[in-house]
Amino acid sequence: MRAEAGFSLIEVMVALAIFGLAAVALIRLQGVSLASAATLSDRQYAAIVARNQALEAMLAATPPMPVTGREQAGRRQWAWRQQVSPGPDPGTQLIRVDVIDDAGQVIARDQMLWSVR
């Protein structure tokens, strides 16, 4: 009868240790998930800034020129640079806009083709 009375102290301690390891793993996973969400949010804002600047350059009446600037999106200022190169056809130019982080790395890029109307 004594063997059927319940769990031993060792069995309970092993079960608690396993549960504790699983809980710690889930908490770490939550932290990684939050960090990934913040990174994705930043990349999305950077992509929006790149698209906005490329569209503005494409819709301009004058030929685009290489320029740099800053734009507010979300809660921060984003640095961007516009580069211009010859397009595939005569009278066209390829506009490339890079959004740059504080370390100088490109976060997002967009390209548009400008042509004489």
N, C-alpha and C. Protein backbone atom coordinates (compact mmCIF):
# COMPACT_ATOMS: atom_id res chain seq x y z
N MET A 1 0.81 -1.20 0.00
CA MET A 1 0.00 0.00 0.00
C MET A 1 0.85 1.26 0.00
N ARG A 2 1.98 1.19 0.57
CA ARG A 2 2.82 2.36 0.68
C ARG A 2 3.30 2.84 -0.69
N ALA A 3 3.51 1.97 -1.66
CA ALA A 3 3.96 2.35 -3.00
C ALA A 3 2.88 3.10 -3.76
N GLU A 4 1.63 2.94 -3.38
CA GLU A 4 0.52 3.60 -4.07
C GLU A 4 0.09 4.89 -3.38
N ALA A 5 0.79 5.35 -2.39
CA ALA A 5 0.38 6.50 -1.59
C ALA A 5 0.57 7.82 -2.33
N GLY A 6 1.48 7.92 -3.30
CA GLY A 6 1.70 9.18 -4.01
C GLY A 6 3.11 9.28 -4.54
N PHE A 7 3.53 10.50 -4.86
CA PHE A 7 4.86 10.73 -5.40
C PHE A 7 5.88 10.86 -4.28
N SER A 8 7.09 10.46 -4.59
CA SER A 8 8.17 10.65 -3.62
C SER A 8 8.70 12.07 -3.76
N LEU A 9 9.48 12.48 -2.80
CA LEU A 9 10.04 13.82 -2.82
C LEU A 9 10.97 14.00 -4.03
N ILE A 10 11.71 12.98 -4.38
CA ILE A 10 12.62 13.05 -5.53
C ILE A 10 11.82 13.25 -6.82
N GLU A 11 10.73 12.56 -6.97
CA GLU A 11 9.90 12.69 -8.18
C GLU A 11 9.32 14.11 -8.28
N VAL A 12 8.90 14.65 -7.19
CA VAL A 12 8.36 16.01 -7.19
C VAL A 12 9.46 17.02 -7.53
N MET A 13 10.65 16.83 -6.97
CA MET A 13 11.75 17.75 -7.25
C MET A 13 12.16 17.69 -8.73
N VAL A 14 12.22 16.51 -9.32
CA VAL A 14 12.55 16.38 -10.73
C VAL A 14 11.47 17.04 -11.59
N ALA A 15 10.22 16.85 -11.26
CA ALA A 15 9.12 17.46 -12.02
C ALA A 15 9.20 18.98 -11.93
N LEU A 16 9.49 19.53 -10.77
CA LEU A 16 9.62 20.98 -10.61
C LEU A 16 10.82 21.52 -11.39
N ALA A 17 11.90 20.78 -11.41
CA ALA A 17 13.08 21.22 -12.17
C ALA A 17 12.77 21.27 -13.66
N ILE A 18 12.09 20.26 -14.16
CA ILE A 18 11.71 20.24 -15.58
C ILE A 18 10.76 21.39 -15.88
N PHE A 19 9.78 21.61 -15.02
CA PHE A 19 8.84 22.72 -15.21
C PHE A 19 9.58 24.06 -15.18
N GLY A 20 10.53 24.21 -14.27
CA GLY A 20 11.31 25.45 -14.17
C GLY A 20 12.11 25.71 -15.43
N LEU A 21 12.75 24.68 -15.99
CA LEU A 21 13.50 24.85 -17.24
C LEU A 21 12.58 25.25 -18.39
N ALA A 22 11.42 24.64 -18.44
CA ALA A 22 10.46 24.99 -19.51
C ALA A 22 9.98 26.44 -19.34
N ALA A 23 9.74 26.86 -18.12
CA ALA A 23 9.29 28.24 -17.88
C ALA A 23 10.37 29.24 -18.27
N VAL A 24 11.62 28.95 -17.93
CA VAL A 24 12.72 29.85 -18.29
C VAL A 24 12.85 29.93 -19.82
N ALA A 25 12.72 28.80 -20.49
CA ALA A 25 12.80 28.79 -21.96
C ALA A 25 11.69 29.64 -22.58
N LEU A 26 10.49 29.53 -22.05
CA LEU A 26 9.37 30.32 -22.57
C LEU A 26 9.58 31.82 -22.33
N ILE A 27 10.12 32.17 -21.19
CA ILE A 27 10.38 33.59 -20.90
C ILE A 27 11.45 34.14 -21.85
N ARG A 28 12.49 33.37 -22.11
CA ARG A 28 13.53 33.82 -23.05
C ARG A 28 12.95 33.95 -24.45
N LEU A 29 12.09 33.02 -24.84
CA LEU A 29 11.46 33.08 -26.15
C LEU A 29 10.62 34.35 -26.29
N GLN A 30 9.94 34.72 -25.22
CA GLN A 30 9.14 35.95 -25.23
C GLN A 30 10.03 37.17 -25.47
N GLY A 31 11.19 37.21 -24.81
CA GLY A 31 12.11 38.33 -24.99
C GLY A 31 12.62 38.43 -26.42
N VAL A 32 12.97 37.30 -27.00
CA VAL A 32 13.44 37.28 -28.39
C VAL A 32 12.32 37.72 -29.33
N SER A 33 11.12 37.29 -29.05
CA SER A 33 9.98 37.67 -29.87
C SER A 33 9.73 39.17 -29.83
N LEU A 34 9.83 39.77 -28.67
CA LEU A 34 9.65 41.22 -28.56
C LEU A 34 10.74 41.98 -29.29
N ALA A 35 11.98 41.52 -29.19
CA ALA A 35 13.08 42.18 -29.90
C ALA A 35 12.89 42.07 -31.41
N SER A 36 12.42 40.93 -31.89
CA SER A 36 12.18 40.75 -33.32
C SER A 36 11.05 41.67 -33.81
N ALA A 37 10.03 41.82 -32.99
CA ALA A 37 8.92 42.70 -33.37
C ALA A 37 9.39 44.14 -33.49
N ALA A 38 10.26 44.58 -32.60
CA ALA A 38 10.78 45.95 -32.68
C ALA A 38 11.63 46.13 -33.93
N THR A 39 12.45 45.14 -34.25
CA THR A 39 13.28 45.21 -35.46
C THR A 39 12.41 45.27 -36.71
N LEU A 40 11.37 44.45 -36.75
CA LEU A 40 10.48 44.46 -37.91
C LEU A 40 9.76 45.79 -38.04
N SER A 41 9.37 46.37 -36.93
CA SER A 41 8.71 47.67 -36.97
C SER A 41 9.66 48.73 -37.54
N ASP A 42 10.91 48.72 -37.10
CA ASP A 42 11.90 49.67 -37.63
C ASP A 42 12.10 49.48 -39.12
N ARG A 43 12.21 48.25 -39.56
CA ARG A 43 12.41 47.99 -40.99
C ARG A 43 11.20 48.43 -41.81
N GLN A 44 10.01 48.28 -41.25
CA GLN A 44 8.81 48.71 -41.97
C GLN A 44 8.77 50.23 -42.12
N TYR A 45 9.09 50.95 -41.05
CA TYR A 45 9.15 52.42 -41.14
C TYR A 45 10.22 52.85 -42.14
N ALA A 46 11.37 52.19 -42.12
CA ALA A 46 12.45 52.53 -43.05
C ALA A 46 12.01 52.30 -44.49
N ALA A 47 11.29 51.21 -44.74
CA ALA A 47 10.80 50.93 -46.09
C ALA A 47 9.79 51.99 -46.54
N ILE A 48 8.97 52.46 -45.63
CA ILE A 48 8.00 53.51 -45.96
C ILE A 48 8.73 54.80 -46.32
N VAL A 49 9.76 55.14 -45.56
CA VAL A 49 10.54 56.35 -45.86
C VAL A 49 11.20 56.23 -47.23
N ALA A 50 11.79 55.08 -47.52
CA ALA A 50 12.44 54.87 -48.82
C ALA A 50 11.44 55.00 -49.95
N ARG A 51 10.27 54.41 -49.81
CA ARG A 51 9.25 54.49 -50.86
C ARG A 51 8.76 55.92 -51.03
N ASN A 52 8.54 56.64 -49.94
CA ASN A 52 8.09 58.04 -50.03
C ASN A 52 9.08 58.89 -50.80
N GLN A 53 10.35 58.77 -50.45
CA GLN A 53 11.36 59.60 -51.11
C GLN A 53 11.53 59.22 -52.58
N ALA A 54 11.47 57.95 -52.89
CA ALA A 54 11.59 57.51 -54.29
C ALA A 54 10.40 58.01 -55.11
N LEU A 55 9.21 57.95 -54.54
CA LEU A 55 8.02 58.45 -55.25
C LEU A 55 8.08 59.95 -55.46
N GLU A 56 8.54 60.69 -54.45
CA GLU A 56 8.66 62.14 -54.60
C GLU A 56 9.64 62.49 -55.72
N ALA A 57 10.76 61.77 -55.78
CA ALA A 57 11.74 62.04 -56.83
C ALA A 57 11.19 61.65 -58.20
N MET A 58 10.45 60.55 -58.26
CA MET A 58 9.91 60.09 -59.54
C MET A 58 8.84 61.06 -60.07
N LEU A 59 8.05 61.63 -59.17
CA LEU A 59 6.96 62.51 -59.59
C LEU A 59 7.39 63.96 -59.81
N ALA A 60 8.64 64.27 -59.50
CA ALA A 60 9.12 65.64 -59.67
C ALA A 60 9.19 66.01 -61.15
N ALA A 61 8.99 67.29 -61.44
CA ALA A 61 9.02 67.75 -62.83
C ALA A 61 10.44 67.88 -63.35
N THR A 62 11.40 68.05 -62.45
CA THR A 62 12.80 68.20 -62.85
C THR A 62 13.53 66.88 -62.68
N PRO A 63 14.60 66.67 -63.43
CA PRO A 63 15.36 65.43 -63.28
C PRO A 63 15.89 65.27 -61.86
N PRO A 64 15.89 64.07 -61.34
CA PRO A 64 16.37 63.85 -59.97
C PRO A 64 17.87 64.07 -59.86
N MET A 65 18.29 64.44 -58.66
CA MET A 65 19.71 64.67 -58.38
C MET A 65 20.07 63.90 -57.11
N PRO A 66 21.34 63.58 -56.92
CA PRO A 66 21.74 62.95 -55.67
C PRO A 66 21.56 63.92 -54.50
N VAL A 67 20.81 63.52 -53.50
CA VAL A 67 20.57 64.35 -52.31
C VAL A 67 20.50 63.43 -51.09
N THR A 68 20.61 64.05 -49.93
CA THR A 68 20.41 63.35 -48.66
C THR A 68 19.43 64.15 -47.84
N GLY A 69 18.85 63.52 -46.84
CA GLY A 69 17.91 64.22 -45.99
C GLY A 69 17.47 63.37 -44.82
N ARG A 70 16.51 63.90 -44.09
CA ARG A 70 15.94 63.20 -42.93
C ARG A 70 14.43 63.33 -43.02
N GLU A 71 13.74 62.30 -42.57
CA GLU A 71 12.28 62.30 -42.58
C GLU A 71 11.78 61.68 -41.29
N GLN A 72 10.72 62.26 -40.75
CA GLN A 72 10.09 61.73 -39.54
C GLN A 72 9.13 60.61 -39.94
N ALA A 73 9.28 59.46 -39.31
CA ALA A 73 8.34 58.35 -39.49
C ALA A 73 8.29 57.59 -38.18
N GLY A 74 7.08 57.41 -37.68
CA GLY A 74 6.97 56.80 -36.36
C GLY A 74 7.46 57.78 -35.31
N ARG A 75 8.29 57.30 -34.42
CA ARG A 75 8.79 58.16 -33.35
C ARG A 75 10.21 58.64 -33.56
N ARG A 76 10.77 58.44 -34.74
CA ARG A 76 12.16 58.84 -34.93
C ARG A 76 12.41 59.44 -36.29
N GLN A 77 13.55 60.07 -36.40
CA GLN A 77 14.01 60.65 -37.66
C GLN A 77 14.82 59.59 -38.41
N TRP A 78 14.59 59.48 -39.70
CA TRP A 78 15.30 58.51 -40.53
C TRP A 78 16.18 59.27 -41.53
N ALA A 79 17.43 58.91 -41.59
CA ALA A 79 18.35 59.49 -42.57
C ALA A 79 18.24 58.70 -43.87
N TRP A 80 18.21 59.40 -44.99
CA TRP A 80 18.13 58.74 -46.29
C TRP A 80 19.06 59.43 -47.26
N ARG A 81 19.44 58.69 -48.30
CA ARG A 81 20.25 59.27 -49.38
C ARG A 81 19.68 58.78 -50.70
N GLN A 82 19.66 59.69 -51.64
CA GLN A 82 19.14 59.39 -52.98
C GLN A 82 20.30 59.40 -53.95
N GLN A 83 20.43 58.34 -54.71
CA GLN A 83 21.46 58.25 -55.73
C GLN A 83 20.78 58.10 -57.08
N VAL A 84 21.40 58.67 -58.10
CA VAL A 84 20.81 58.65 -59.44
C VAL A 84 21.84 58.07 -60.40
N SER A 85 21.37 57.19 -61.28
CA SER A 85 22.24 56.61 -62.31
C SER A 85 21.45 56.54 -63.62
N PRO A 86 22.14 56.39 -64.75
CA PRO A 86 21.42 56.30 -66.02
C PRO A 86 20.48 55.09 -66.04
N GLY A 87 19.32 55.30 -66.63
CA GLY A 87 18.34 54.22 -66.73
C GLY A 87 18.61 53.31 -67.92
N PRO A 88 17.78 52.31 -68.11
CA PRO A 88 17.99 51.36 -69.20
C PRO A 88 17.69 51.95 -70.58
N ASP A 89 16.85 52.96 -70.65
CA ASP A 89 16.47 53.57 -71.92
C ASP A 89 16.95 55.02 -71.96
N PRO A 90 17.14 55.57 -73.17
CA PRO A 90 17.51 56.99 -73.26
C PRO A 90 16.42 57.86 -72.63
N GLY A 91 16.84 58.88 -71.92
CA GLY A 91 15.89 59.79 -71.29
C GLY A 91 15.36 59.29 -69.95
N THR A 92 15.92 58.20 -69.45
CA THR A 92 15.47 57.68 -68.14
C THR A 92 16.63 57.70 -67.15
N GLN A 93 16.27 57.78 -65.90
CA GLN A 93 17.25 57.71 -64.83
C GLN A 93 16.72 56.78 -63.74
N LEU A 94 17.62 56.00 -63.16
CA LEU A 94 17.25 55.10 -62.07
C LEU A 94 17.50 55.83 -60.75
N ILE A 95 16.46 55.94 -59.95
CA ILE A 95 16.54 56.60 -58.65
C ILE A 95 16.62 55.50 -57.59
N ARG A 96 17.66 55.55 -56.78
CA ARG A 96 17.77 54.59 -55.68
C ARG A 96 17.83 55.36 -54.37
N VAL A 97 16.94 55.01 -53.45
CA VAL A 97 16.89 55.66 -52.14
C VAL A 97 17.25 54.63 -51.08
N ASP A 98 18.27 54.95 -50.28
CA ASP A 98 18.69 54.10 -49.17
C ASP A 98 18.33 54.79 -47.87
N VAL A 99 17.75 54.05 -46.93
CA VAL A 99 17.52 54.55 -45.58
C VAL A 99 18.62 53.96 -44.71
N ILE A 100 19.28 54.84 -43.96
CA ILE A 100 20.50 54.47 -43.24
C ILE A 100 20.28 54.58 -41.74
N ASP A 101 20.80 53.61 -40.99
CA ASP A 101 20.71 53.69 -39.54
C ASP A 101 21.88 54.51 -38.98
N ASP A 102 21.95 54.62 -37.68
CA ASP A 102 22.98 55.45 -37.04
C ASP A 102 24.39 54.91 -37.27
N ALA A 103 24.51 53.61 -37.53
CA ALA A 103 25.82 53.00 -37.76
C ALA A 103 26.25 53.10 -39.22
N GLY A 104 25.39 53.66 -40.08
CA GLY A 104 25.72 53.82 -41.49
C GLY A 104 25.34 52.64 -42.36
N GLN A 105 24.61 51.68 -41.81
CA GLN A 105 24.18 50.52 -42.59
C GLN A 105 22.82 50.79 -43.22
N VAL A 106 22.62 50.23 -44.41
CA VAL A 106 21.35 50.39 -45.11
C VAL A 106 20.31 49.48 -44.48
N ILE A 107 19.19 50.08 -44.05
CA ILE A 107 18.10 49.32 -43.46
C ILE A 107 17.09 48.94 -44.53
N ALA A 108 16.80 49.88 -45.42
CA ALA A 108 15.81 49.65 -46.48
C ALA A 108 16.26 50.38 -47.74
N ARG A 109 15.81 49.87 -48.87
CA ARG A 109 16.17 50.45 -50.17
C ARG A 109 14.96 50.36 -51.08
N ASP A 110 14.80 51.40 -51.91
CA ASP A 110 13.74 51.38 -52.92
C ASP A 110 14.30 52.00 -54.19
N GLN A 111 13.79 51.57 -55.32
CA GLN A 111 14.23 52.08 -56.62
C GLN A 111 13.02 52.44 -57.47
N MET A 112 13.18 53.50 -58.23
CA MET A 112 12.16 53.93 -59.17
C MET A 112 12.86 54.37 -60.45
N LEU A 113 12.10 54.39 -61.53
CA LEU A 113 12.63 54.83 -62.80
C LEU A 113 11.99 56.16 -63.17
N TRP A 114 12.80 57.18 -63.40
CA TRP A 114 12.32 58.50 -63.78
C TRP A 114 12.53 58.65 -65.28
N SER A 115 11.52 59.23 -65.94
CA SER A 115 11.68 59.49 -67.39
C SER A 115 11.14 60.86 -67.72
N VAL A 116 11.66 61.39 -68.81
CA VAL A 116 11.19 62.69 -69.31
C VAL A 116 9.76 62.49 -69.78
N ARG A 117 8.89 63.42 -69.43
CA ARG A 117 7.48 63.27 -69.83
C ARG A 117 7.24 63.84 -71.20
